[in-house]
C-alpha atoms as a PDB file:
ATOM      1  CA  UNK A   1      92.390 -70.446 -16.661  1.00  0.00           C
ATOM      2  CA  UNK A   2      90.046 -68.855 -14.146  1.00  0.00           C
ATOM      3  CA  UNK A   3      92.720 -66.396 -13.029  1.00  0.00           C
ATOM      4  CA  UNK A   4      93.265 -64.951 -16.518  1.00  0.00           C
ATOM      5  CA  UNK A   5      89.602 -64.112 -17.139  1.00  0.00           C
ATOM      6  CA  UNK A   6      88.753 -63.033 -13.599  1.00  0.00           C
ATOM      7  CA  UNK A   7      87.082 -59.613 -14.030  1.00  0.00           C
ATOM      8  CA  UNK A   8      86.421 -57.639 -10.879  1.00  0.00           C
ATOM      9  CA  UNK A   9      83.213 -55.666 -10.498  1.00  0.00           C
ATOM     10  CA  UNK A  10      83.612 -51.909 -10.062  1.00  0.00           C
ATOM     11  CA  UNK A  11      82.988 -50.453  -6.626  1.00  0.00           C
ATOM     12  CA  UNK A  12      79.569 -48.994  -5.938  1.00  0.00           C
ATOM     13  CA  UNK A  13      79.219 -45.286  -5.229  1.00  0.00           C
ATOM     14  CA  UNK A  14      77.028 -44.582  -2.217  1.00  0.00           C
ATOM     15  CA  UNK A  15      76.869 -40.873  -1.415  1.00  0.00           C
ATOM     16  CA  UNK A  16      74.789 -39.818   1.574  1.00  0.00           C
ATOM     17  CA  UNK A  17      74.715 -36.117   2.472  1.00  0.00           C
ATOM     18  CA  UNK A  18      75.563 -35.385   6.081  1.00  0.00           C
ATOM     19  CA  UNK A  19      73.249 -32.416   6.634  1.00  0.00           C
ATOM     20  CA  UNK A  20      70.476 -30.414   4.969  1.00  0.00           C
ATOM     21  CA  UNK A  21      70.613 -26.622   4.823  1.00  0.00           C
ATOM     22  CA  UNK A  22      67.079 -25.220   4.387  1.00  0.00           C
ATOM     23  CA  UNK A  23      68.340 -21.641   3.913  1.00  0.00           C
ATOM     24  CA  UNK A  24      70.517 -22.694   1.006  1.00  0.00           C
ATOM     25  CA  UNK A  25      67.628 -24.614  -0.531  1.00  0.00           C
ATOM     26  CA  UNK A  26      65.327 -21.585  -0.182  1.00  0.00           C
ATOM     27  CA  UNK A  27      67.981 -19.339  -1.749  1.00  0.00           C
ATOM     28  CA  UNK A  28      68.335 -21.710  -4.691  1.00  0.00           C
ATOM     29  CA  UNK A  29      64.570 -21.695  -5.198  1.00  0.00           C
ATOM     30  CA  UNK A  30      64.503 -17.890  -5.166  1.00  0.00           C
ATOM     31  CA  UNK A  31      67.363 -17.763  -7.656  1.00  0.00           C
ATOM     32  CA  UNK A  32      65.465 -20.133  -9.921  1.00  0.00           C
ATOM     33  CA  UNK A  33      62.258 -18.105  -9.555  1.00  0.00           C
ATOM     34  CA  UNK A  34      63.670 -14.649 -10.237  1.00  0.00           C
ATOM     35  CA  UNK A  35      66.577 -15.583 -12.497  1.00  0.00           C
ATOM     36  CA  UNK A  36      70.078 -14.172 -12.511  1.00  0.00           C
ATOM     37  CA  UNK A  37      70.969 -10.676 -13.713  1.00  0.00           C
ATOM     38  CA  UNK A  38      74.737 -10.468 -13.626  1.00  0.00           C
ATOM     39  CA  UNK A  39      75.859 -11.063 -10.060  1.00  0.00           C
ATOM     40  CA  UNK A  40      72.576  -9.871  -8.595  1.00  0.00           C
ATOM     41  CA  UNK A  41      69.095 -11.289  -8.785  1.00  0.00           C
ATOM     42  CA  UNK A  42      66.098  -9.218  -9.764  1.00  0.00           C
ATOM     43  CA  UNK A  43      63.673  -8.566  -6.976  1.00  0.00           C
ATOM     44  CA  UNK A  44      61.385  -6.149  -8.745  1.00  0.00           C
ATOM     45  CA  UNK A  45      57.680  -6.849  -8.402  1.00  0.00           C
ATOM     46  CA  UNK A  46      55.373  -5.435 -11.043  1.00  0.00           C
ATOM     47  CA  UNK A  47      52.527  -4.080  -8.922  1.00  0.00           C
ATOM     48  CA  UNK A  48      50.670  -2.631 -11.893  1.00  0.00           C
ATOM     49  CA  UNK A  49      50.533  -6.005 -13.629  1.00  0.00           C
ATOM     50  CA  UNK A  50      49.413  -7.684 -10.411  1.00  0.00           C
ATOM     51  CA  UNK A  51      46.643  -5.129  -9.893  1.00  0.00           C
ATOM     52  CA  UNK A  52      45.506  -5.433 -13.515  1.00  0.00           C
ATOM     53  CA  UNK A  53      45.405  -9.199 -13.164  1.00  0.00           C
ATOM     54  CA  UNK A  54      43.243  -8.949 -10.027  1.00  0.00           C
ATOM     55  CA  UNK A  55      40.970  -6.426 -11.762  1.00  0.00           C
ATOM     56  CA  UNK A  56      40.498  -8.729 -14.751  1.00  0.00           C
ATOM     57  CA  UNK A  57      39.740 -11.666 -12.451  1.00  0.00           C
ATOM     58  CA  UNK A  58      37.155  -9.601 -10.595  1.00  0.00           C
ATOM     59  CA  UNK A  59      35.504  -8.371 -13.795  1.00  0.00           C
ATOM     60  CA  UNK A  60      35.422 -11.828 -15.322  1.00  0.00           C
ATOM     61  CA  UNK A  61      33.345 -13.220 -12.443  1.00  0.00           C
ATOM     62  CA  UNK A  62      29.587 -12.954 -12.974  1.00  0.00           C
ATOM     63  CA  UNK A  63      27.586 -10.699 -10.711  1.00  0.00           C
ATOM     64  CA  UNK A  64      25.859 -12.811  -8.021  1.00  0.00           C
ATOM     65  CA  UNK A  65      22.131 -13.276  -8.480  1.00  0.00           C
ATOM     66  CA  UNK A  66      21.493 -12.836  -4.755  1.00  0.00           C
ATOM     67  CA  UNK A  67      22.932  -9.337  -4.845  1.00  0.00           C
ATOM     68  CA  UNK A  68      20.747  -8.449  -7.823  1.00  0.00           C
ATOM     69  CA  UNK A  69      17.628  -9.734  -6.045  1.00  0.00           C
ATOM     70  CA  UNK A  70      18.519  -7.905  -2.843  1.00  0.00           C
ATOM     71  CA  UNK A  71      19.107  -4.661  -4.734  1.00  0.00           C
ATOM     72  CA  UNK A  72      15.793  -5.062  -6.575  1.00  0.00           C
ATOM     73  CA  UNK A  73      13.936  -5.657  -3.289  1.00  0.00           C
ATOM     74  CA  UNK A  74      15.464  -2.563  -1.723  1.00  0.00           C
ATOM     75  CA  UNK A  75      14.495  -0.442  -4.745  1.00  0.00           C
ATOM     76  CA  UNK A  76      10.924  -1.775  -4.718  1.00  0.00           C
ATOM     77  CA  UNK A  77      10.626  -1.057  -0.993  1.00  0.00           C
ATOM     78  CA  UNK A  78      11.939   2.488  -1.435  1.00  0.00           C
ATOM     79  CA  UNK A  79       9.503   3.163  -4.283  1.00  0.00           C
ATOM     80  CA  UNK A  80       6.632   1.817  -2.170  1.00  0.00           C
ATOM     81  CA  UNK A  81       7.579   3.960   0.823  1.00  0.00           C
ATOM     82  CA  UNK A  82       7.927   7.065  -1.350  1.00  0.00           C
ATOM     83  CA  UNK A  83       4.544   6.507  -3.013  1.00  0.00           C
ATOM     84  CA  UNK A  84       2.879   5.816   0.356  1.00  0.00           C
ATOM     85  CA  UNK A  85       4.241   8.999   1.975  1.00  0.00           C
ATOM     86  CA  UNK A  86       3.515  11.160  -1.084  1.00  0.00           C
ATOM     87  CA  UNK A  87      -0.150  10.059  -1.082  1.00  0.00           C
ATOM     88  CA  UNK A  88      -0.446  10.649   2.664  1.00  0.00           C
ATOM     89  CA  UNK A  89       1.122  14.043   2.427  1.00  0.00           C
ATOM     90  CA  UNK A  90      -1.336  15.383  -0.126  1.00  0.00           C
END
């Protein structure tokens, strides 16, 4: 009775790639990044949008306090020097 109900297990599938092509992998990543347009892939970079993004990032950062203090010190020194020379000149 063991022969009638003997069920064989299916063979296992063990696939191991033989080589790795980094150029093909890079190309696939670029295709995924830029997306297909017909047979070609778009490679247009929007410089205006990139510049606007950088400008917004720069404007969103607060002005450093050290620069403000340095500027104030320079202005005070210039005013002092001007007042000193104007009094001496008269």
